[in-house]
């Protein structure tokens, strides 16, 4: 009997893709990369993927700790 990973978990992602961050902020990918370069968005590198930390997105819009 295996548990369905989607059952009972309402966890918010810790990090999201560049594309999803751009969609969430209604910005283009170039703007997201500029915010990363300015140090206003925190990222984590997993293999070849660059992910944006959700906490830094919230902090950028003033909806969470910085």
PDB file of N, CA and C in Angstrom:
ATOM      1  N   UNK A   1       0.852  -1.180   0.000  1.00  0.00           N
ATOM      2  CA  UNK A   1       0.000   0.000   0.000  1.00  0.00           C
ATOM      3  C   UNK A   1       0.890   1.233   0.000  1.00  0.00           C
ATOM      4  N   UNK A   2       0.819   1.998  -1.040  1.00  0.00           N
ATOM      5  CA  UNK A   2       1.624   3.215  -1.104  1.00  0.00           C
ATOM      6  C   UNK A   2       0.725   4.433  -0.974  1.00  0.00           C
ATOM      7  N   UNK A   3       1.249   5.447  -0.312  1.00  0.00           N
ATOM      8  CA  UNK A   3       0.480   6.673  -0.104  1.00  0.00           C
ATOM      9  C   UNK A   3       0.602   7.578  -1.321  1.00  0.00           C
ATOM     10  N   UNK A   4      -0.484   8.221  -1.656  1.00  0.00           N
ATOM     11  CA  UNK A   4      -0.476   9.203  -2.738  1.00  0.00           C
ATOM     12  C   UNK A   4       0.190  10.470  -2.213  1.00  0.00           C
ATOM     13  N   UNK A   5       1.299  10.905  -2.813  1.00  0.00           N
ATOM     14  CA  UNK A   5       2.016  12.070  -2.291  1.00  0.00           C
ATOM     15  C   UNK A   5       1.204  13.358  -2.320  1.00  0.00           C
ATOM     16  N   UNK A   6       0.146  13.405  -3.121  1.00  0.00           N
ATOM     17  CA  UNK A   6      -0.653  14.628  -3.188  1.00  0.00           C
ATOM     18  C   UNK A   6      -1.719  14.683  -2.097  1.00  0.00           C
ATOM     19  N   UNK A   7      -1.956  13.560  -1.431  1.00  0.00           N
ATOM     20  CA  UNK A   7      -2.982  13.530  -0.393  1.00  0.00           C
ATOM     21  C   UNK A   7      -2.466  14.158   0.893  1.00  0.00           C
ATOM     22  N   UNK A   8      -3.232  15.085   1.434  1.00  0.00           N
ATOM     23  CA  UNK A   8      -2.931  15.646   2.742  1.00  0.00           C
ATOM     24  C   UNK A   8      -1.727  16.558   2.802  1.00  0.00           C
ATOM     25  N   UNK A   9      -1.140  16.904   1.697  1.00  0.00           N
ATOM     26  CA  UNK A   9       0.004  17.808   1.733  1.00  0.00           C
ATOM     27  C   UNK A   9      -0.355  19.100   1.033  1.00  0.00           C
ATOM     28  N   UNK A  10      -0.331  20.141   1.792  1.00  0.00           N
ATOM     29  CA  UNK A  10      -0.594  21.464   1.243  1.00  0.00           C
ATOM     30  C   UNK A  10       0.659  22.314   1.356  1.00  0.00           C
ATOM     31  N   UNK A  11       1.800  21.686   1.144  1.00  0.00           N
ATOM     32  CA  UNK A  11       3.068  22.395   1.258  1.00  0.00           C
ATOM     33  C   UNK A  11       3.270  23.329   0.080  1.00  0.00           C
ATOM     34  N   UNK A  12       3.717  24.527   0.398  1.00  0.00           N
ATOM     35  CA  UNK A  12       4.102  25.468  -0.647  1.00  0.00           C
ATOM     36  C   UNK A  12       5.512  25.090  -1.092  1.00  0.00           C
ATOM     37  N   UNK A  13       5.805  25.190  -2.372  1.00  0.00           N
ATOM     38  CA  UNK A  13       7.158  24.865  -2.826  1.00  0.00           C
ATOM     39  C   UNK A  13       8.195  25.777  -2.168  1.00  0.00           C
ATOM     40  N   UNK A  14       9.346  25.221  -1.863  1.00  0.00           N
ATOM     41  CA  UNK A  14      10.439  25.991  -1.276  1.00  0.00           C
ATOM     42  C   UNK A  14      11.117  26.828  -2.353  1.00  0.00           C
ATOM     43  N   UNK A  15      11.130  26.304  -3.567  1.00  0.00           N
ATOM     44  CA  UNK A  15      11.756  27.007  -4.693  1.00  0.00           C
ATOM     45  C   UNK A  15      10.951  26.715  -5.952  1.00  0.00           C
ATOM     46  N   UNK A  16      11.094  27.597  -6.926  1.00  0.00           N
ATOM     47  CA  UNK A  16      10.334  27.476  -8.164  1.00  0.00           C
ATOM     48  C   UNK A  16      11.231  27.811  -9.357  1.00  0.00           C
ATOM     49  N   UNK A  17      10.826  27.396 -10.519  1.00  0.00           N
ATOM     50  CA  UNK A  17      11.630  27.650 -11.718  1.00  0.00           C
ATOM     51  C   UNK A  17      11.635  29.137 -12.074  1.00  0.00           C
ATOM     52  N   UNK A  18      12.564  29.517 -12.923  1.00  0.00           N
ATOM     53  CA  UNK A  18      12.637  30.897 -13.416  1.00  0.00           C
ATOM     54  C   UNK A  18      11.325  31.260 -14.113  1.00  0.00           C
ATOM     55  N   UNK A  19      10.825  30.356 -14.942  1.00  0.00           N
ATOM     56  CA  UNK A  19       9.571  30.617 -15.660  1.00  0.00           C
ATOM     57  C   UNK A  19       8.404  30.817 -14.703  1.00  0.00           C
ATOM     58  N   UNK A  20       8.298  29.959 -13.685  1.00  0.00           N
ATOM     59  CA  UNK A  20       7.194  30.082 -12.734  1.00  0.00           C
ATOM     60  C   UNK A  20       7.328  31.343 -11.885  1.00  0.00           C
ATOM     61  N   UNK A  21       8.554  31.719 -11.540  1.00  0.00           N
ATOM     62  CA  UNK A  21       8.771  32.967 -10.798  1.00  0.00           C
ATOM     63  C   UNK A  21       8.345  34.160 -11.644  1.00  0.00           C
ATOM     64  N   UNK A  22       8.666  34.113 -12.928  1.00  0.00           N
ATOM     65  CA  UNK A  22       8.273  35.193 -13.837  1.00  0.00           C
ATOM     66  C   UNK A  22       6.752  35.296 -13.923  1.00  0.00           C
ATOM     67  N   UNK A  23       6.082  34.149 -14.020  1.00  0.00           N
ATOM     68  CA  UNK A  23       4.617  34.148 -14.071  1.00  0.00           C
ATOM     69  C   UNK A  23       4.031  34.686 -12.769  1.00  0.00           C
ATOM     70  N   UNK A  24       4.582  34.252 -11.637  1.00  0.00           N
ATOM     71  CA  UNK A  24       4.063  34.671 -10.334  1.00  0.00           C
ATOM     72  C   UNK A  24       4.181  36.175 -10.135  1.00  0.00           C
ATOM     73  N   UNK A  25       5.239  36.766 -10.682  1.00  0.00           N
ATOM     74  CA  UNK A  25       5.473  38.202 -10.507  1.00  0.00           C
ATOM     75  C   UNK A  25       5.001  39.025 -11.706  1.00  0.00           C
ATOM     76  N   UNK A  26       4.441  38.371 -12.691  1.00  0.00           N
ATOM     77  CA  UNK A  26       4.014  39.040 -13.934  1.00  0.00           C
ATOM     78  C   UNK A  26       5.161  39.820 -14.568  1.00  0.00           C
ATOM     79  N   UNK A  27       6.312  39.169 -14.622  1.00  0.00           N
ATOM     80  CA  UNK A  27       7.513  39.751 -15.219  1.00  0.00           C
ATOM     81  C   UNK A  27       8.042  38.803 -16.280  1.00  0.00           C
ATOM     82  N   UNK A  28       8.952  39.298 -17.093  1.00  0.00           N
ATOM     83  CA  UNK A  28       9.626  38.460 -18.068  1.00  0.00           C
ATOM     84  C   UNK A  28      10.840  37.785 -17.448  1.00  0.00           C
ATOM     85  N   UNK A  29      11.340  36.775 -18.143  1.00  0.00           N
ATOM     86  CA  UNK A  29      12.525  36.057 -17.661  1.00  0.00           C
ATOM     87  C   UNK A  29      13.724  36.991 -17.508  1.00  0.00           C
ATOM     88  N   UNK A  30      13.872  37.945 -18.428  1.00  0.00           N
ATOM     89  CA  UNK A  30      14.995  38.885 -18.360  1.00  0.00           C
ATOM     90  C   UNK A  30      14.940  39.697 -17.076  1.00  0.00           C
ATOM     91  N   UNK A  31      13.741  40.113 -16.688  1.00  0.00           N
ATOM     92  CA  UNK A  31      13.583  40.873 -15.441  1.00  0.00           C
ATOM     93  C   UNK A  31      13.919  40.013 -14.229  1.00  0.00           C
ATOM     94  N   UNK A  32      13.545  38.745 -14.265  1.00  0.00           N
ATOM     95  CA  UNK A  32      13.867  37.834 -13.161  1.00  0.00           C
ATOM     96  C   UNK A  32      15.379  37.688 -13.044  1.00  0.00           C
ATOM     97  N   UNK A  33      16.063  37.488 -14.169  1.00  0.00           N
ATOM     98  CA  UNK A  33      17.525  37.376 -14.135  1.00  0.00           C
ATOM     99  C   UNK A  33      18.167  38.667 -13.630  1.00  0.00           C
ATOM    100  N   UNK A  34      17.597  39.821 -13.974  1.00  0.00           N
ATOM    101  CA  UNK A  34      18.120  41.101 -13.482  1.00  0.00           C
ATOM    102  C   UNK A  34      17.956  41.194 -11.964  1.00  0.00           C
ATOM    103  N   UNK A  35      16.811  40.766 -11.443  1.00  0.00           N
ATOM    104  CA  UNK A  35      16.584  40.781  -9.995  1.00  0.00           C
ATOM    105  C   UNK A  35      17.538  39.827  -9.276  1.00  0.00           C
ATOM    106  N   UNK A  36      17.835  38.704  -9.900  1.00  0.00           N
ATOM    107  CA  UNK A  36      18.800  37.760  -9.331  1.00  0.00           C
ATOM    108  C   UNK A  36      20.184  38.404  -9.296  1.00  0.00           C
ATOM    109  N   UNK A  37      20.586  39.025 -10.395  1.00  0.00           N
ATOM    110  CA  UNK A  37      21.897  39.671 -10.477  1.00  0.00           C
ATOM    111  C   UNK A  37      22.028  40.789  -9.451  1.00  0.00           C
ATOM    112  N   UNK A  38      20.928  41.530  -9.209  1.00  0.00           N
ATOM    113  CA  UNK A  38      20.927  42.611  -8.221  1.00  0.00           C
ATOM    114  C   UNK A  38      20.920  42.084  -6.791  1.00  0.00           C
ATOM    115  N   UNK A  39      20.704  40.789  -6.617  1.00  0.00           N
ATOM    116  CA  UNK A  39      20.662  40.197  -5.286  1.00  0.00           C
ATOM    117  C   UNK A  39      19.305  40.312  -4.613  1.00  0.00           C
ATOM    118  N   UNK A  40      18.286  40.663  -5.372  1.00  0.00           N
ATOM    119  CA  UNK A  40      16.952  40.840  -4.800  1.00  0.00           C
ATOM    120  C   UNK A  40      16.140  39.549  -4.792  1.00  0.00           C
ATOM    121  N   UNK A  41      16.578  38.553  -5.554  1.00  0.00           N
ATOM    122  CA  UNK A  41      15.984  37.220  -5.527  1.00  0.00           C
ATOM    123  C   UNK A  41      17.088  36.214  -5.247  1.00  0.00           C
ATOM    124  N   UNK A  42      16.822  35.292  -4.328  1.00  0.00           N
ATOM    125  CA  UNK A  42      17.785  34.244  -3.985  1.00  0.00           C
ATOM    126  C   UNK A  42      17.511  33.006  -4.828  1.00  0.00           C
ATOM    127  N   UNK A  43      18.581  32.362  -5.241  1.00  0.00           N
ATOM    128  CA  UNK A  43      18.445  31.159  -6.059  1.00  0.00           C
ATOM    129  C   UNK A  43      19.214  30.006  -5.445  1.00  0.00           C
ATOM    130  N   UNK A  44      18.890  28.828  -5.921  1.00  0.00           N
ATOM    131  CA  UNK A  44      19.622  27.618  -5.583  1.00  0.00           C
ATOM    132  C   UNK A  44      19.824  26.863  -6.892  1.00  0.00           C
ATOM    133  N   UNK A  45      20.983  26.285  -7.050  1.00  0.00           N
ATOM    134  CA  UNK A  45      21.323  25.552  -8.269  1.00  0.00           C
ATOM    135  C   UNK A  45      21.244  24.057  -7.954  1.00  0.00           C
ATOM    136  N   UNK A  46      20.410  23.343  -8.714  1.00  0.00           N
ATOM    137  CA  UNK A  46      20.295  21.891  -8.585  1.00  0.00           C
ATOM    138  C   UNK A  46      20.622  21.282  -9.934  1.00  0.00           C
ATOM    139  N   UNK A  47      21.815  20.731 -10.032  1.00  0.00           N
ATOM    140  CA  UNK A  47      22.264  20.238 -11.331  1.00  0.00           C
ATOM    141  C   UNK A  47      22.387  21.408 -12.284  1.00  0.00           C
ATOM    142  N   UNK A  48      21.688  21.329 -13.404  1.00  0.00           N
ATOM    143  CA  UNK A  48      21.715  22.423 -14.388  1.00  0.00           C
ATOM    144  C   UNK A  48      20.583  23.419 -14.182  1.00  0.00           C
ATOM    145  N   UNK A  49      19.656  23.097 -13.276  1.00  0.00           N
ATOM    146  CA  UNK A  49      18.489  23.969 -13.049  1.00  0.00           C
ATOM    147  C   UNK A  49      18.801  25.057 -12.035  1.00  0.00           C
ATOM    148  N   UNK A  50      18.315  26.240 -12.304  1.00  0.00           N
ATOM    149  CA  UNK A  50      18.369  27.341 -11.351  1.00  0.00           C
ATOM    150  C   UNK A  50      16.953  27.559 -10.845  1.00  0.00           C
ATOM    151  N   UNK A  51      16.782  27.482  -9.528  1.00  0.00           N
ATOM    152  CA  UNK A  51      15.474  27.674  -8.918  1.00  0.00           C
ATOM    153  C   UNK A  51      15.493  28.926  -8.054  1.00  0.00           C
ATOM    154  N   UNK A  52      14.388  29.641  -8.030  1.00  0.00           N
ATOM    155  CA  UNK A  52      14.250  30.849  -7.223  1.00  0.00           C
ATOM    156  C   UNK A  52      13.558  30.458  -5.923  1.00  0.00           C
ATOM    157  N   UNK A  53      14.136  30.872  -4.797  1.00  0.00           N
ATOM    158  CA  UNK A  53      13.542  30.557  -3.501  1.00  0.00           C
ATOM    159  C   UNK A  53      12.243  31.337  -3.326  1.00  0.00           C
ATOM    160  N   UNK A  54      11.197  30.616  -2.958  1.00  0.00           N
ATOM    161  CA  UNK A  54       9.875  31.215  -2.785  1.00  0.00           C
ATOM    162  C   UNK A  54       9.901  32.313  -1.730  1.00  0.00           C
ATOM    163  N   UNK A  55      10.671  32.126  -0.668  1.00  0.00           N
ATOM    164  CA  UNK A  55      10.753  33.136   0.393  1.00  0.00           C
ATOM    165  C   UNK A  55      11.271  34.463  -0.147  1.00  0.00           C
ATOM    166  N   UNK A  56      12.202  34.414  -1.094  1.00  0.00           N
ATOM    167  CA  UNK A  56      12.734  35.666  -1.640  1.00  0.00           C
ATOM    168  C   UNK A  56      11.713  36.346  -2.552  1.00  0.00           C
ATOM    169  N   UNK A  57      10.851  35.559  -3.202  1.00  0.00           N
ATOM    170  CA  UNK A  57       9.772  36.148  -4.005  1.00  0.00           C
ATOM    171  C   UNK A  57       8.803  36.872  -3.080  1.00  0.00           C
ATOM    172  N   UNK A  58       8.442  36.219  -1.975  1.00  0.00           N
ATOM    173  CA  UNK A  58       7.536  36.840  -1.005  1.00  0.00           C
ATOM    174  C   UNK A  58       8.154  38.095  -0.400  1.00  0.00           C
ATOM    175  N   UNK A  59       9.437  38.039  -0.084  1.00  0.00           N
ATOM    176  CA  UNK A  59      10.118  39.204   0.493  1.00  0.00           C
ATOM    177  C   UNK A  59      10.153  40.358  -0.502  1.00  0.00           C
ATOM    178  N   UNK A  60      10.338  40.054  -1.767  1.00  0.00           N
ATOM    179  CA  UNK A  60      10.392  41.087  -2.801  1.00  0.00           C
ATOM    180  C   UNK A  60       9.082  41.868  -2.883  1.00  0.00           C
ATOM    181  N   UNK A  61       7.971  41.167  -2.740  1.00  0.00           N
ATOM    182  CA  UNK A  61       6.677  41.846  -2.825  1.00  0.00           C
ATOM    183  C   UNK A  61       6.163  42.287  -1.457  1.00  0.00           C
ATOM    184  N   UNK A  62       6.977  42.088  -0.420  1.00  0.00           N
ATOM    185  CA  UNK A  62       6.599  42.540   0.911  1.00  0.00           C
ATOM    186  C   UNK A  62       5.580  41.659   1.600  1.00  0.00           C
ATOM    187  N   UNK A  63       5.579  40.383   1.258  1.00  0.00           N
ATOM    188  CA  UNK A  63       4.613  39.449   1.828  1.00  0.00           C
ATOM    189  C   UNK A  63       5.310  38.351   2.623  1.00  0.00           C
ATOM    190  N   UNK A  64       6.425  38.688   3.256  1.00  0.00           N
ATOM    191  CA  UNK A  64       7.134  37.683   4.028  1.00  0.00           C
ATOM    192  C   UNK A  64       8.430  38.228   4.566  1.00  0.00           C
ATOM    193  N   UNK A  65       9.153  37.398   5.336  1.00  0.00           N
ATOM    194  CA  UNK A  65      10.427  37.846   5.914  1.00  0.00           C
ATOM    195  C   UNK A  65      11.491  38.026   4.845  1.00  0.00           C
ATOM    196  N   UNK A  66      12.393  38.940   5.080  1.00  0.00           N
ATOM    197  CA  UNK A  66      13.472  39.194   4.109  1.00  0.00           C
ATOM    198  C   UNK A  66      14.668  38.341   4.399  1.00  0.00           C
TER     199      UNK A  66
END
